[in-house]
Each structure stands twice: as C-alpha cells, then as structure tokens.
Amino acid sequence: MESFAQLEILCEKLYTSQNSPERIQAESNLKCSSVNPDYIPQCQYILDNASTPYALVFASSSLLKQKTENRLSFW
C-alpha cells in the first residue's frame, strides 16, 4: 500500500463503488489485510487514525473476521 490516504480511498471504493470491476479491484487490494493475522497491528492503526468511516468499517470488520475465524486473542 503506497499511502494511508490511498488505503482510505480503496476502502471507500470497496463500500460505495457502483462499478463492479473497481469494487472487485479494491477488495483484491485490501484482501491481505482482512485475512492475514500479520496485519492485525495495521488494522488497529487504521482504527486509531482513519478519517473516513469506510476505513473504520474495513478495519473493524477485518479484526472481527480474524478473531472469529482464527480464534485469536487480541485483548
């Protein structure tokens, strides 16, 4: 990911784009963050620093997915 601002743009495209290829590309670019436990600190960083609700939704849903699918203990 080139920048935090770019991540926020991808999150917005993921949740709001009416263009299917654009939405699929955003999902593909963000997928590693939502399925790889190594990205948990990045998701927590997003929660602390995001300026858009889309980034917050993405980070929180990614953490929830990690917690439920991998039975991880965060806290």
PDB file of N, CA and C in Angstrom:
ATOM      1  N   MET A   1       0.851  -1.161   0.000  1.00  0.00           N
ATOM      2  CA  MET A   1       0.000   0.000   0.000  1.00  0.00           C
ATOM      3  C   MET A   1       0.902   1.231   0.000  1.00  0.00           C
ATOM      4  N   GLU A   2       0.659   2.124  -0.913  1.00  0.00           N
ATOM      5  CA  GLU A   2       1.530   3.277  -1.072  1.00  0.00           C
ATOM      6  C   GLU A   2       1.339   4.330   0.006  1.00  0.00           C
ATOM      7  N   SER A   3       0.123   4.532   0.471  1.00  0.00           N
ATOM      8  CA  SER A   3      -0.094   5.541   1.497  1.00  0.00           C
ATOM      9  C   SER A   3      -1.385   5.254   2.242  1.00  0.00           C
ATOM     10  N   PHE A   4      -1.456   5.873   3.409  1.00  0.00           N
ATOM     11  CA  PHE A   4      -2.666   5.712   4.209  1.00  0.00           C
ATOM     12  C   PHE A   4      -3.873   6.313   3.495  1.00  0.00           C
ATOM     13  N   ALA A   5      -3.659   7.442   2.829  1.00  0.00           N
ATOM     14  CA  ALA A   5      -4.749   8.078   2.074  1.00  0.00           C
ATOM     15  C   ALA A   5      -5.258   7.152   0.976  1.00  0.00           C
ATOM     16  N   GLN A   6      -4.351   6.445   0.329  1.00  0.00           N
ATOM     17  CA  GLN A   6      -4.752   5.514  -0.722  1.00  0.00           C
ATOM     18  C   GLN A   6      -5.573   4.358  -0.128  1.00  0.00           C
ATOM     19  N   LEU A   7      -5.174   3.893   1.040  1.00  0.00           N
ATOM     20  CA  LEU A   7      -5.932   2.837   1.709  1.00  0.00           C
ATOM     21  C   LEU A   7      -7.357   3.312   1.986  1.00  0.00           C
ATOM     22  N   GLU A   8      -7.487   4.547   2.457  1.00  0.00           N
ATOM     23  CA  GLU A   8      -8.823   5.069   2.727  1.00  0.00           C
ATOM     24  C   GLU A   8      -9.655   5.180   1.453  1.00  0.00           C
ATOM     25  N   ILE A   9      -9.036   5.546   0.363  1.00  0.00           N
ATOM     26  CA  ILE A   9      -9.737   5.609  -0.929  1.00  0.00           C
ATOM     27  C   ILE A   9     -10.195   4.221  -1.355  1.00  0.00           C
ATOM     28  N   LEU A  10      -9.338   3.227  -1.196  1.00  0.00           N
ATOM     29  CA  LEU A  10      -9.717   1.849  -1.546  1.00  0.00           C
ATOM     30  C   LEU A  10     -10.886   1.375  -0.694  1.00  0.00           C
ATOM     31  N   CYS A  11     -10.870   1.700   0.586  1.00  0.00           N
ATOM     32  CA  CYS A  11     -11.972   1.308   1.464  1.00  0.00           C
ATOM     33  C   CYS A  11     -13.276   1.960   1.016  1.00  0.00           C
ATOM     34  N   GLU A  12     -13.213   3.220   0.636  1.00  0.00           N
ATOM     35  CA  GLU A  12     -14.415   3.899   0.153  1.00  0.00           C
ATOM     36  C   GLU A  12     -14.929   3.245  -1.129  1.00  0.00           C
ATOM     37  N   LYS A  13     -14.018   2.909  -2.037  1.00  0.00           N
ATOM     38  CA  LYS A  13     -14.423   2.233  -3.277  1.00  0.00           C
ATOM     39  C   LYS A  13     -15.038   0.871  -2.979  1.00  0.00           C
ATOM     40  N   LEU A  14     -14.474   0.171  -2.021  1.00  0.00           N
ATOM     41  CA  LEU A  14     -14.979  -1.146  -1.654  1.00  0.00           C
ATOM     42  C   LEU A  14     -16.443  -1.082  -1.222  1.00  0.00           C
ATOM     43  N   TYR A  15     -16.790  -0.063  -0.458  1.00  0.00           N
ATOM     44  CA  TYR A  15     -18.141   0.018   0.099  1.00  0.00           C
ATOM     45  C   TYR A  15     -19.118   0.876  -0.695  1.00  0.00           C
ATOM     46  N   THR A  16     -18.631   1.706  -1.621  1.00  0.00           N
ATOM     47  CA  THR A  16     -19.567   2.620  -2.277  1.00  0.00           C
ATOM     48  C   THR A  16     -19.583   2.563  -3.800  1.00  0.00           C
ATOM     49  N   SER A  17     -18.594   1.951  -4.401  1.00  0.00           N
ATOM     50  CA  SER A  17     -18.500   1.981  -5.858  1.00  0.00           C
ATOM     51  C   SER A  17     -19.656   1.232  -6.508  1.00  0.00           C
ATOM     52  N   GLN A  18     -20.228   1.853  -7.529  1.00  0.00           N
ATOM     53  CA  GLN A  18     -21.266   1.214  -8.334  1.00  0.00           C
ATOM     54  C   GLN A  18     -20.647   0.443  -9.488  1.00  0.00           C
ATOM     55  N   ASN A  19     -19.351   0.583  -9.673  1.00  0.00           N
ATOM     56  CA  ASN A  19     -18.610  -0.054 -10.748  1.00  0.00           C
ATOM     57  C   ASN A  19     -18.030  -1.373 -10.220  1.00  0.00           C
ATOM     58  N   SER A  20     -18.577  -2.494 -10.665  1.00  0.00           N
ATOM     59  CA  SER A  20     -18.150  -3.802 -10.149  1.00  0.00           C
ATOM     60  C   SER A  20     -16.658  -4.070 -10.306  1.00  0.00           C
ATOM     61  N   PRO A  21     -16.063  -3.839 -11.471  1.00  0.00           N
ATOM     62  CA  PRO A  21     -14.614  -4.090 -11.585  1.00  0.00           C
ATOM     63  C   PRO A  21     -13.789  -3.237 -10.613  1.00  0.00           C
ATOM     64  N   GLU A  22     -14.198  -2.004 -10.403  1.00  0.00           N
ATOM     65  CA  GLU A  22     -13.484  -1.130  -9.466  1.00  0.00           C
ATOM     66  C   GLU A  22     -13.609  -1.656  -8.035  1.00  0.00           C
ATOM     67  N   ARG A  23     -14.793  -2.086  -7.660  1.00  0.00           N
ATOM     68  CA  ARG A  23     -15.034  -2.628  -6.328  1.00  0.00           C
ATOM     69  C   ARG A  23     -14.265  -3.931  -6.123  1.00  0.00           C
ATOM     70  N   ILE A  24     -14.245  -4.774  -7.130  1.00  0.00           N
ATOM     71  CA  ILE A  24     -13.517  -6.043  -7.049  1.00  0.00           C
ATOM     72  C   ILE A  24     -12.017  -5.790  -6.921  1.00  0.00           C
ATOM     73  N   GLN A  25     -11.507  -4.804  -7.654  1.00  0.00           N
ATOM     74  CA  GLN A  25     -10.090  -4.462  -7.566  1.00  0.00           C
ATOM     75  C   GLN A  25      -9.749  -3.936  -6.168  1.00  0.00           C
ATOM     76  N   ALA A  26     -10.600  -3.100  -5.608  1.00  0.00           N
ATOM     77  CA  ALA A  26     -10.372  -2.579  -4.255  1.00  0.00           C
ATOM     78  C   ALA A  26     -10.366  -3.720  -3.247  1.00  0.00           C
ATOM     79  N   GLU A  27     -11.318  -4.634  -3.385  1.00  0.00           N
ATOM     80  CA  GLU A  27     -11.383  -5.789  -2.489  1.00  0.00           C
ATOM     81  C   GLU A  27     -10.122  -6.631  -2.607  1.00  0.00           C
ATOM     82  N   SER A  28      -9.659  -6.841  -3.816  1.00  0.00           N
ATOM     83  CA  SER A  28      -8.438  -7.612  -4.043  1.00  0.00           C
ATOM     84  C   SER A  28      -7.228  -6.939  -3.397  1.00  0.00           C
ATOM     85  N   ASN A  29      -7.139  -5.618  -3.532  1.00  0.00           N
ATOM     86  CA  ASN A  29      -6.010  -4.886  -2.958  1.00  0.00           C
ATOM     87  C   ASN A  29      -6.032  -4.894  -1.435  1.00  0.00           C
ATOM     88  N   LEU A  30      -7.202  -4.986  -0.856  1.00  0.00           N
ATOM     89  CA  LEU A  30      -7.329  -4.938   0.596  1.00  0.00           C
ATOM     90  C   LEU A  30      -7.390  -6.321   1.237  1.00  0.00           C
ATOM     91  N   LYS A  31      -7.520  -7.355   0.444  1.00  0.00           N
ATOM     92  CA  LYS A  31      -7.775  -8.702   0.962  1.00  0.00           C
ATOM     93  C   LYS A  31      -6.736  -9.178   1.964  1.00  0.00           C
ATOM     94  N   CYS A  32      -5.457  -8.943   1.707  1.00  0.00           N
ATOM     95  CA  CYS A  32      -4.436  -9.461   2.616  1.00  0.00           C
ATOM     96  C   CYS A  32      -4.619  -8.907   4.023  1.00  0.00           C
ATOM     97  N   SER A  33      -5.105  -7.685   4.145  1.00  0.00           N
ATOM     98  CA  SER A  33      -5.323  -7.088   5.456  1.00  0.00           C
ATOM     99  C   SER A  33      -6.465  -7.753   6.204  1.00  0.00           C
ATOM    100  N   SER A  34      -7.388  -8.305   5.480  1.00  0.00           N
ATOM    101  CA  SER A  34      -8.551  -8.879   6.149  1.00  0.00           C
ATOM    102  C   SER A  34      -8.416 -10.366   6.445  1.00  0.00           C
ATOM    103  N   VAL A  35      -7.431 -11.043   5.874  1.00  0.00           N
ATOM    104  CA  VAL A  35      -7.328 -12.482   6.097  1.00  0.00           C
ATOM    105  C   VAL A  35      -6.013 -12.922   6.736  1.00  0.00           C
ATOM    106  N   ASN A  36      -5.038 -12.055   6.820  1.00  0.00           N
ATOM    107  CA  ASN A  36      -3.725 -12.423   7.336  1.00  0.00           C
ATOM    108  C   ASN A  36      -3.531 -11.850   8.738  1.00  0.00           C
ATOM    109  N   PRO A  37      -3.336 -12.709   9.749  1.00  0.00           N
ATOM    110  CA  PRO A  37      -3.149 -12.218  11.117  1.00  0.00           C
ATOM    111  C   PRO A  37      -1.950 -11.277  11.281  1.00  0.00           C
ATOM    112  N   ASP A  38      -1.007 -11.314  10.375  1.00  0.00           N
ATOM    113  CA  ASP A  38       0.143 -10.410  10.459  1.00  0.00           C
ATOM    114  C   ASP A  38      -0.265  -8.948  10.283  1.00  0.00           C
ATOM    115  N   TYR A  39      -1.451  -8.708   9.756  1.00  0.00           N
ATOM    116  CA  TYR A  39      -1.921  -7.349   9.512  1.00  0.00           C
ATOM    117  C   TYR A  39      -2.773  -6.792  10.648  1.00  0.00           C
ATOM    118  N   ILE A  40      -2.887  -7.512  11.735  1.00  0.00           N
ATOM    119  CA  ILE A  40      -3.675  -7.032  12.870  1.00  0.00           C
ATOM    120  C   ILE A  40      -3.172  -5.681  13.381  1.00  0.00           C
ATOM    121  N   PRO A  41      -1.870  -5.484  13.554  1.00  0.00           N
ATOM    122  CA  PRO A  41      -1.411  -4.156  14.002  1.00  0.00           C
ATOM    123  C   PRO A  41      -1.790  -3.036  13.026  1.00  0.00           C
ATOM    124  N   GLN A  42      -1.771  -3.318  11.731  1.00  0.00           N
ATOM    125  CA  GLN A  42      -2.159  -2.305  10.753  1.00  0.00           C
ATOM    126  C   GLN A  42      -3.638  -1.968  10.881  1.00  0.00           C
ATOM    127  N   CYS A  43      -4.464  -2.979  11.120  1.00  0.00           N
ATOM    128  CA  CYS A  43      -5.896  -2.730  11.308  1.00  0.00           C
ATOM    129  C   CYS A  43      -6.129  -1.884  12.557  1.00  0.00           C
ATOM    130  N   GLN A  44      -5.387  -2.160  13.604  1.00  0.00           N
ATOM    131  CA  GLN A  44      -5.517  -1.353  14.811  1.00  0.00           C
ATOM    132  C   GLN A  44      -5.047   0.082  14.549  1.00  0.00           C
ATOM    133  N   TYR A  45      -4.015   0.245  13.743  1.00  0.00           N
ATOM    134  CA  TYR A  45      -3.548   1.579  13.370  1.00  0.00           C
ATOM    135  C   TYR A  45      -4.629   2.332  12.590  1.00  0.00           C
ATOM    136  N   ILE A  46      -5.286   1.637  11.682  1.00  0.00           N
ATOM    137  CA  ILE A  46      -6.364   2.249  10.907  1.00  0.00           C
ATOM    138  C   ILE A  46      -7.465   2.734  11.855  1.00  0.00           C
ATOM    139  N   LEU A  47      -7.836   1.900  12.819  1.00  0.00           N
ATOM    140  CA  LEU A  47      -8.879   2.301  13.769  1.00  0.00           C
ATOM    141  C   LEU A  47      -8.486   3.561  14.533  1.00  0.00           C
ATOM    142  N   ASP A  48      -7.220   3.685  14.858  1.00  0.00           N
ATOM    143  CA  ASP A  48      -6.743   4.848  15.614  1.00  0.00           C
ATOM    144  C   ASP A  48      -6.606   6.104  14.771  1.00  0.00           C
ATOM    145  N   ASN A  49      -6.410   5.957  13.452  1.00  0.00           N
ATOM    146  CA  ASN A  49      -6.031   7.099  12.634  1.00  0.00           C
ATOM    147  C   ASN A  49      -6.922   7.397  11.433  1.00  0.00           C
ATOM    148  N   ALA A  50      -7.902   6.595  11.173  1.00  0.00           N
ATOM    149  CA  ALA A  50      -8.725   6.784   9.971  1.00  0.00           C
ATOM    150  C   ALA A  50      -9.542   8.062  10.043  1.00  0.00           C
ATOM    151  N   SER A  51      -9.696   8.678   8.883  1.00  0.00           N
ATOM    152  CA  SER A  51     -10.521   9.885   8.796  1.00  0.00           C
ATOM    153  C   SER A  51     -11.819   9.618   8.044  1.00  0.00           C
ATOM    154  N   THR A  52     -12.013   8.399   7.569  1.00  0.00           N
ATOM    155  CA  THR A  52     -13.244   8.059   6.857  1.00  0.00           C
ATOM    156  C   THR A  52     -13.946   6.890   7.547  1.00  0.00           C
ATOM    157  N   PRO A  53     -15.261   6.885   7.516  1.00  0.00           N
ATOM    158  CA  PRO A  53     -15.985   5.765   8.121  1.00  0.00           C
ATOM    159  C   PRO A  53     -15.744   4.449   7.373  1.00  0.00           C
ATOM    160  N   TYR A  54     -15.426   4.528   6.099  1.00  0.00           N
ATOM    161  CA  TYR A  54     -15.206   3.313   5.312  1.00  0.00           C
ATOM    162  C   TYR A  54     -13.955   2.578   5.783  1.00  0.00           C
ATOM    163  N   ALA A  55     -12.919   3.312   6.102  1.00  0.00           N
ATOM    164  CA  ALA A  55     -11.693   2.697   6.618  1.00  0.00           C
ATOM    165  C   ALA A  55     -11.954   2.087   7.990  1.00  0.00           C
ATOM    166  N   LEU A  56     -12.754   2.763   8.795  1.00  0.00           N
ATOM    167  CA  LEU A  56     -13.092   2.228  10.118  1.00  0.00           C
ATOM    168  C   LEU A  56     -13.883   0.931  10.008  1.00  0.00           C
ATOM    169  N   VAL A  57     -14.845   0.910   9.091  1.00  0.00           N
ATOM    170  CA  VAL A  57     -15.640  -0.312   8.885  1.00  0.00           C
ATOM    171  C   VAL A  57     -14.740  -1.438   8.397  1.00  0.00           C
ATOM    172  N   PHE A  58     -13.860  -1.117   7.444  1.00  0.00           N
ATOM    173  CA  PHE A  58     -12.966  -2.146   6.920  1.00  0.00           C
ATOM    174  C   PHE A  58     -12.079  -2.708   8.028  1.00  0.00           C
ATOM    175  N   ALA A  59     -11.449  -1.850   8.809  1.00  0.00           N
ATOM    176  CA  ALA A  59     -10.535  -2.310   9.854  1.00  0.00           C
ATOM    177  C   ALA A  59     -11.267  -3.102  10.927  1.00  0.00           C
ATOM    178  N   SER A  60     -12.416  -2.616  11.352  1.00  0.00           N
ATOM    179  CA  SER A  60     -13.143  -3.334  12.400  1.00  0.00           C
ATOM    180  C   SER A  60     -13.673  -4.672  11.903  1.00  0.00           C
ATOM    181  N   SER A  61     -14.154  -4.713  10.675  1.00  0.00           N
ATOM    182  CA  SER A  61     -14.639  -5.999  10.153  1.00  0.00           C
ATOM    183  C   SER A  61     -13.483  -6.968   9.919  1.00  0.00           C
ATOM    184  N   SER A  62     -12.326  -6.446   9.538  1.00  0.00           N
ATOM    185  CA  SER A  62     -11.152  -7.304   9.361  1.00  0.00           C
ATOM    186  C   SER A  62     -10.715  -7.904  10.695  1.00  0.00           C
ATOM    187  N   LEU A  63     -10.699  -7.077  11.738  1.00  0.00           N
ATOM    188  CA  LEU A  63     -10.331  -7.583  13.062  1.00  0.00           C
ATOM    189  C   LEU A  63     -11.344  -8.601  13.567  1.00  0.00           C
ATOM    190  N   LEU A  64     -12.613  -8.323  13.351  1.00  0.00           N
ATOM    191  CA  LEU A  64     -13.652  -9.260  13.768  1.00  0.00           C
ATOM    192  C   LEU A  64     -13.515 -10.583  13.024  1.00  0.00           C
ATOM    193  N   LYS A  65     -13.235 -10.503  11.739  1.00  0.00           N
ATOM    194  CA  LYS A  65     -13.043 -11.714  10.934  1.00  0.00           C
ATOM    195  C   LYS A  65     -11.850 -12.516  11.453  1.00  0.00           C
ATOM    196  N   GLN A  66     -10.749 -11.833  11.762  1.00  0.00           N
ATOM    197  CA  GLN A  66      -9.575 -12.509  12.309  1.00  0.00           C
ATOM    198  C   GLN A  66      -9.913 -13.192  13.635  1.00  0.00           C
ATOM    199  N   LYS A  67     -10.623 -12.491  14.479  1.00  0.00           N
ATOM    200  CA  LYS A  67     -10.981 -13.004  15.799  1.00  0.00           C
ATOM    201  C   LYS A  67     -11.856 -14.242  15.691  1.00  0.00           C
ATOM    202  N   THR A  68     -12.863 -14.202  14.836  1.00  0.00           N
ATOM    203  CA  THR A  68     -13.806 -15.315  14.767  1.00  0.00           C
ATOM    204  C   THR A  68     -13.279 -16.496  13.957  1.00  0.00           C
ATOM    205  N   GLU A  69     -12.581 -16.228  12.879  1.00  0.00           N
ATOM    206  CA  GLU A  69     -12.119 -17.324  12.028  1.00  0.00           C
ATOM    207  C   GLU A  69     -10.857 -17.993  12.555  1.00  0.00           C
ATOM    208  N   ASN A  70     -10.024 -17.238  13.228  1.00  0.00           N
ATOM    209  CA  ASN A  70      -8.746 -17.800  13.695  1.00  0.00           C
ATOM    210  C   ASN A  70      -8.680 -18.001  15.192  1.00  0.00           C
ATOM    211  N   ARG A  71      -9.776 -17.645  15.856  1.00  0.00           N
ATOM    212  CA  ARG A  71      -9.852 -17.789  17.318  1.00  0.00           C
ATOM    213  C   ARG A  71      -8.658 -17.137  18.011  1.00  0.00           C
ATOM    214  N   LEU A  72      -8.357 -15.928  17.580  1.00  0.00           N
ATOM    215  CA  LEU A  72      -7.227 -15.188  18.128  1.00  0.00           C
ATOM    216  C   LEU A  72      -7.642 -14.403  19.361  1.00  0.00           C
ATOM    217  N   SER A  73      -6.688 -14.194  20.224  1.00  0.00           N
ATOM    218  CA  SER A  73      -6.920 -13.345  21.389  1.00  0.00           C
ATOM    219  C   SER A  73      -6.195 -12.027  21.156  1.00  0.00           C
ATOM    220  N   PHE A  74      -6.956 -10.932  21.076  1.00  0.00           N
ATOM    221  CA  PHE A  74      -6.361  -9.615  20.849  1.00  0.00           C
ATOM    222  C   PHE A  74      -6.138  -8.887  22.156  1.00  0.00           C
ATOM    223  N   TRP A  75      -7.092  -9.072  23.062  1.00  0.00           N
ATOM    224  CA  TRP A  75      -7.093  -8.225  24.239  1.00  0.00           C
ATOM    225  C   TRP A  75      -6.736  -8.985  25.471  1.00  0.00           C
TER     226      TRP A  75
END
